[in-house]
């Protein structure tokens, strides 16, 4: 069996009176492509933030490559690097692409500016955006901004053998994109997984049917704070689970309560 990279054990999280996660168990294995899906407001993005160490659970345990995390990622030293791609790309508007993609290296490494630019150019080539380092986020399309954020997430310091992301977390990577731009991003996600300079493991939160089918191997379905179903992509159209069937059919009739 593949090596577990991340394990959530009985993880719970509440915001006010809203129980977002309720004793969730989740294991992420090295080399897999996992999609966490479900209706809006069911805790999918919260799971990503807990995995990333940006948010601490109220109860339960988070294990990173066999080591239990205490507090947030910034409070200790996770044994692996976890990269995250935010839904809105989260680029710095006042910095150009070179500065955005290489931001962590400019701030936390002793590499020369020229070396960092060369490394940034390699990552931009990998995400299909050569020659745009001098542009600013406002000059890029939505799909291009997404790809720049991918390049930033896989940036590493070649002088530090420990500074390579072992897992990428994608929060709605195709949200707001047209079908063609979505296909470009979906292909890129798979390409990064398979590239020797990319990252072989990822977890994705998405609700877009094509993104689920084209980029996921295993699926976890979340509803009302609990994992209600796990399976593989080939199970989608034959599964008996009524929650899953309603989600993919888009029907308003079924066990998923429609807000509003």
Protein backbone atom coordinates (compact mmCIF):
# COMPACT_ATOMS: atom_id res chain seq x y z
CA UNK A 1 0.00 0.00 0.00
CA UNK A 2 1.18 3.55 -0.74
CA UNK A 3 2.67 5.62 2.04
CA UNK A 4 0.26 7.87 3.98
CA UNK A 5 1.40 11.49 3.73
CA UNK A 6 -1.38 13.16 5.70
CA UNK A 7 -3.87 11.64 8.15
CA UNK A 8 -6.82 13.36 9.78
CA UNK A 9 -8.14 11.44 12.76
CA UNK A 10 -11.54 12.38 14.23
CA UNK A 11 -11.05 16.00 13.17
CA UNK A 12 -13.82 18.43 14.15
CA UNK A 13 -14.22 22.15 13.54
CA UNK A 14 -16.99 24.52 14.60
CA UNK A 15 -17.57 28.16 13.70
CA UNK A 16 -20.02 29.67 16.15
CA UNK A 17 -22.98 27.29 16.22
CA UNK A 18 -22.11 25.79 12.85
CA UNK A 19 -20.48 22.37 12.99
CA UNK A 20 -18.42 22.36 9.81
CA UNK A 21 -16.44 19.14 10.36
CA UNK A 22 -17.67 16.35 12.61
CA UNK A 23 -15.06 13.71 13.53
CA UNK A 24 -13.70 13.39 9.99
CA UNK A 25 -11.18 10.65 9.21
CA UNK A 26 -9.16 11.12 6.03
CA UNK A 27 -5.93 9.58 4.76
CA UNK A 28 -3.99 10.98 1.82
CA UNK A 29 -1.48 8.62 0.19
CA UNK A 30 1.69 9.48 -1.66
CA UNK A 31 1.19 9.65 -5.42
CA UNK A 32 -2.59 9.92 -5.44
CA UNK A 33 -4.96 12.50 -6.85
CA UNK A 34 -7.78 13.02 -4.37
CA UNK A 35 -10.87 15.17 -4.88
CA UNK A 36 -12.92 16.32 -1.89
CA UNK A 37 -16.39 17.13 -3.17
CA UNK A 38 -19.84 17.95 -1.86
CA UNK A 39 -22.38 20.79 -1.74
CA UNK A 40 -21.33 24.32 -0.84
CA UNK A 41 -20.78 25.01 2.84
CA UNK A 42 -19.94 21.44 3.82
CA UNK A 43 -16.39 22.05 5.06
CA UNK A 44 -14.33 21.25 1.96
CA UNK A 45 -12.15 24.36 2.06
CA UNK A 46 -11.89 24.04 5.83
CA UNK A 47 -10.34 20.58 5.37
CA UNK A 48 -7.75 22.04 2.98
CA UNK A 49 -6.80 24.74 5.46
CA UNK A 50 -6.45 22.23 8.25
CA UNK A 51 -4.27 19.99 6.06
CA UNK A 52 -2.13 23.02 5.14
CA UNK A 53 -1.73 23.96 8.78
CA UNK A 54 -3.40 27.34 8.29
CA UNK A 55 -6.24 26.37 10.61
CA UNK A 56 -6.22 24.18 13.71
CA UNK A 57 -9.00 21.69 14.41
CA UNK A 58 -11.06 22.04 17.58
CA UNK A 59 -10.67 18.33 18.22
CA UNK A 60 -8.90 15.38 16.63
CA UNK A 61 -5.39 14.87 15.31
CA UNK A 62 -3.45 15.81 12.18
CA UNK A 63 -0.50 13.57 11.29
CA UNK A 64 2.04 14.61 8.65
CA UNK A 65 4.21 11.74 7.40
CA UNK A 66 3.88 9.96 10.72
CA UNK A 67 4.46 13.02 12.91
CA UNK A 68 1.58 14.55 14.87
CA UNK A 69 1.22 18.27 14.22
CA UNK A 70 0.92 20.50 17.25
CA UNK A 71 -0.92 23.78 16.59
CA UNK A 72 -0.45 25.40 13.19
CA UNK A 73 2.22 24.76 10.58
CA UNK A 74 3.97 27.99 11.61
CA UNK A 75 4.23 26.75 15.22
CA UNK A 76 6.45 23.81 14.36
CA UNK A 77 8.24 22.13 11.53
CA UNK A 78 6.24 19.74 9.38
CA UNK A 79 8.44 16.95 8.01
CA UNK A 80 7.27 17.73 4.45
CA UNK A 81 6.52 20.87 2.46
CA UNK A 82 2.84 21.41 1.65
CA UNK A 83 1.98 23.77 -1.23
CA UNK A 84 -1.40 25.44 -1.59
CA UNK A 85 -3.12 27.03 -4.58
CA UNK A 86 -5.88 29.37 -3.45
CA UNK A 87 -9.17 29.79 -5.29
CA UNK A 88 -8.53 33.43 -6.27
CA UNK A 89 -4.82 32.84 -7.07
CA UNK A 90 -3.89 35.29 -4.23
CA UNK A 91 -1.14 37.03 -6.18
CA UNK A 92 0.38 40.28 -4.93
CA UNK A 93 -0.98 42.99 -7.24
CA UNK A 94 2.01 45.29 -6.70
CA UNK A 95 4.57 42.62 -7.65
CA UNK A 96 5.31 41.30 -11.11
CA UNK A 97 5.22 37.62 -12.00
CA UNK A 98 8.92 37.12 -11.26
CA UNK A 99 8.45 38.58 -7.79
CA UNK A 100 5.23 36.66 -7.13
CA UNK A 101 6.52 33.25 -8.16
CA UNK A 102 9.90 33.74 -6.52
CA UNK A 103 8.54 35.53 -3.44
CA UNK A 104 9.52 32.91 -0.87
CA UNK A 105 13.02 32.58 -2.30
CA UNK A 106 13.54 36.35 -2.34
CA UNK A 107 12.46 36.48 1.30
CA UNK A 108 13.93 33.30 2.76
CA UNK A 109 16.92 32.17 0.71
CA UNK A 110 20.42 33.35 -0.07
CA UNK A 111 20.06 32.77 -3.80
CA UNK A 112 21.04 35.60 -6.11
CA UNK A 113 18.35 37.55 -7.92
CA UNK A 114 19.55 36.12 -11.24
CA UNK A 115 19.36 32.55 -9.92
CA UNK A 116 15.84 33.12 -8.66
CA UNK A 117 14.77 34.58 -12.02
CA UNK A 118 16.19 31.53 -13.78
CA UNK A 119 14.27 29.22 -11.43
CA UNK A 120 11.09 31.23 -11.94
CA UNK A 121 11.51 30.95 -15.71
CA UNK A 122 11.77 27.15 -15.36
CA UNK A 123 8.49 27.03 -13.43
CA UNK A 124 6.78 29.38 -15.88
CA UNK A 125 7.85 27.09 -18.72
CA UNK A 126 6.41 24.15 -16.81
CA UNK A 127 3.00 25.83 -16.49
CA UNK A 128 3.02 26.97 -20.11
CA UNK A 129 3.69 30.67 -19.54
CA UNK A 130 7.17 31.45 -20.86
CA UNK A 131 8.27 35.05 -21.13
CA UNK A 132 5.68 36.72 -18.88
CA UNK A 133 7.88 37.37 -15.85
CA UNK A 134 7.77 41.15 -16.22
CA UNK A 135 3.97 41.34 -16.35
CA UNK A 136 1.77 42.27 -13.40
CA UNK A 137 -1.33 40.29 -12.29
CA UNK A 138 -3.67 42.94 -13.72
CA UNK A 139 -2.22 42.24 -17.16
CA UNK A 140 -3.08 38.53 -17.01
CA UNK A 141 -6.29 36.64 -17.74
CA UNK A 142 -7.96 34.63 -14.98
CA UNK A 143 -6.54 31.38 -16.33
CA UNK A 144 -3.05 32.83 -16.55
CA UNK A 145 -3.22 34.06 -12.94
CA UNK A 146 -4.19 30.55 -11.89
CA UNK A 147 -1.19 29.10 -13.70
CA UNK A 148 1.14 31.66 -12.10
CA UNK A 149 -0.17 30.58 -8.70
CA UNK A 150 0.62 26.97 -9.65
CA UNK A 151 4.19 27.98 -10.50
CA UNK A 152 4.51 29.69 -7.13
CA UNK A 153 3.18 26.64 -5.29
CA UNK A 154 5.82 24.32 -6.78
CA UNK A 155 8.73 26.76 -6.39
CA UNK A 156 11.62 25.27 -4.43
CA UNK A 157 15.09 26.15 -3.26
CA UNK A 158 17.52 23.84 -5.11
CA UNK A 159 20.15 24.42 -2.40
CA UNK A 160 17.82 22.91 0.23
CA UNK A 161 16.98 19.24 -0.49
CA UNK A 162 14.09 19.43 2.00
CA UNK A 163 12.47 22.39 0.21
CA UNK A 164 10.33 20.53 -2.31
CA UNK A 165 6.52 20.31 -2.02
CA UNK A 166 5.44 16.73 -1.40
CA UNK A 167 1.75 17.54 -1.74
CA UNK A 168 -0.26 20.30 -3.43
CA UNK A 169 -3.65 21.51 -2.24
CA UNK A 170 -5.96 23.04 -4.85
CA UNK A 171 -8.99 25.06 -3.73
CA UNK A 172 -11.49 25.23 -6.62
CA UNK A 173 -8.77 25.55 -9.31
CA UNK A 174 -11.23 25.93 -12.21
CA UNK A 175 -13.80 28.18 -10.49
CA UNK A 176 -14.85 31.10 -12.68
CA UNK A 177 -13.13 29.82 -15.81
CA UNK A 178 -14.77 29.08 -19.14
CA UNK A 179 -14.77 25.43 -20.34
CA UNK A 180 -11.69 25.85 -22.54
CA UNK A 181 -9.66 27.58 -19.81
CA UNK A 182 -10.84 24.90 -17.38
CA UNK A 183 -9.53 22.17 -19.67
CA UNK A 184 -6.13 23.91 -19.83
CA UNK A 185 -5.97 24.00 -16.01
CA UNK A 186 -7.12 20.39 -15.68
CA UNK A 187 -4.45 19.21 -18.11
CA UNK A 188 -1.86 21.29 -16.27
CA UNK A 189 -2.75 19.75 -12.90
CA UNK A 190 -2.12 16.27 -14.30
CA UNK A 191 1.03 17.44 -16.07
CA UNK A 192 2.48 18.84 -12.83
CA UNK A 193 1.71 15.55 -11.08
CA UNK A 194 3.57 13.56 -13.71
CA UNK A 195 6.54 15.91 -14.19
CA UNK A 196 9.81 15.13 -12.42
CA UNK A 197 9.99 18.76 -11.24
CA UNK A 198 6.36 18.88 -10.20
CA UNK A 199 4.55 17.22 -7.31
CA UNK A 200 3.14 13.69 -7.45
CA UNK A 201 0.42 14.06 -4.80
CA UNK A 202 -2.47 16.46 -4.62
CA UNK A 203 -5.81 17.09 -2.93
CA UNK A 204 -8.39 19.16 -4.73
CA UNK A 205 -11.61 20.77 -3.60
CA UNK A 206 -13.95 21.25 -6.53
CA UNK A 207 -17.58 21.00 -7.54
CA UNK A 208 -17.02 21.09 -11.31
CA UNK A 209 -17.95 17.82 -12.99
CA UNK A 210 -15.26 17.89 -15.70
CA UNK A 211 -12.54 18.75 -13.17
CA UNK A 212 -13.54 15.85 -10.94
CA UNK A 213 -13.61 13.37 -13.81
CA UNK A 214 -10.40 14.54 -15.49
CA UNK A 215 -8.13 15.19 -12.51
CA UNK A 216 -9.19 12.86 -9.67
CA UNK A 217 -8.41 9.21 -9.04
CA UNK A 218 -10.14 8.89 -5.67
CA UNK A 219 -13.13 10.88 -4.42
CA UNK A 220 -14.31 11.71 -0.91
CA UNK A 221 -17.87 13.07 -0.63
CA UNK A 222 -18.50 15.42 2.28
CA UNK A 223 -21.94 16.43 3.53
CA UNK A 224 -22.94 18.07 6.79
CA UNK A 225 -19.47 17.74 8.22
CA UNK A 226 -19.03 14.01 7.65
CA UNK A 227 -17.56 11.79 4.96
CA UNK A 228 -20.61 10.14 3.38
CA UNK A 229 -18.93 8.21 0.56
CA UNK A 230 -15.52 7.31 -0.82
CA UNK A 231 -14.83 5.81 -4.22
CA UNK A 232 -13.03 6.13 -7.53
CA UNK A 233 -14.00 8.18 -10.55
CA UNK A 234 -15.27 5.15 -12.45
CA UNK A 235 -17.88 4.64 -9.70
CA UNK A 236 -19.57 8.00 -10.26
CA UNK A 237 -22.21 6.89 -12.76
CA UNK A 238 -23.06 3.58 -11.09
CA UNK A 239 -22.93 4.38 -7.37
CA UNK A 240 -26.07 3.71 -5.32
CA UNK A 241 -25.38 6.50 -2.82
CA UNK A 242 -28.28 8.95 -3.18
CA UNK A 243 -26.21 11.95 -2.10
CA UNK A 244 -23.65 11.31 -4.81
CA UNK A 245 -26.28 10.63 -7.45
CA UNK A 246 -28.10 13.88 -6.65
CA UNK A 247 -24.86 15.89 -6.62
CA UNK A 248 -23.77 14.77 -10.09
CA UNK A 249 -27.25 14.94 -11.60
CA UNK A 250 -27.85 18.46 -10.29
CA UNK A 251 -31.36 17.50 -9.22
CA UNK A 252 -33.15 19.56 -6.57
CA UNK A 253 -34.96 16.40 -5.46
CA UNK A 254 -33.07 14.18 -3.06
CA UNK A 255 -31.47 14.03 0.39
CA UNK A 256 -29.28 17.12 -0.17
CA UNK A 257 -31.25 20.08 1.12
CA UNK A 258 -31.20 23.00 -1.27
CA UNK A 259 -30.55 26.35 0.43
CA UNK A 260 -32.87 29.24 -0.35
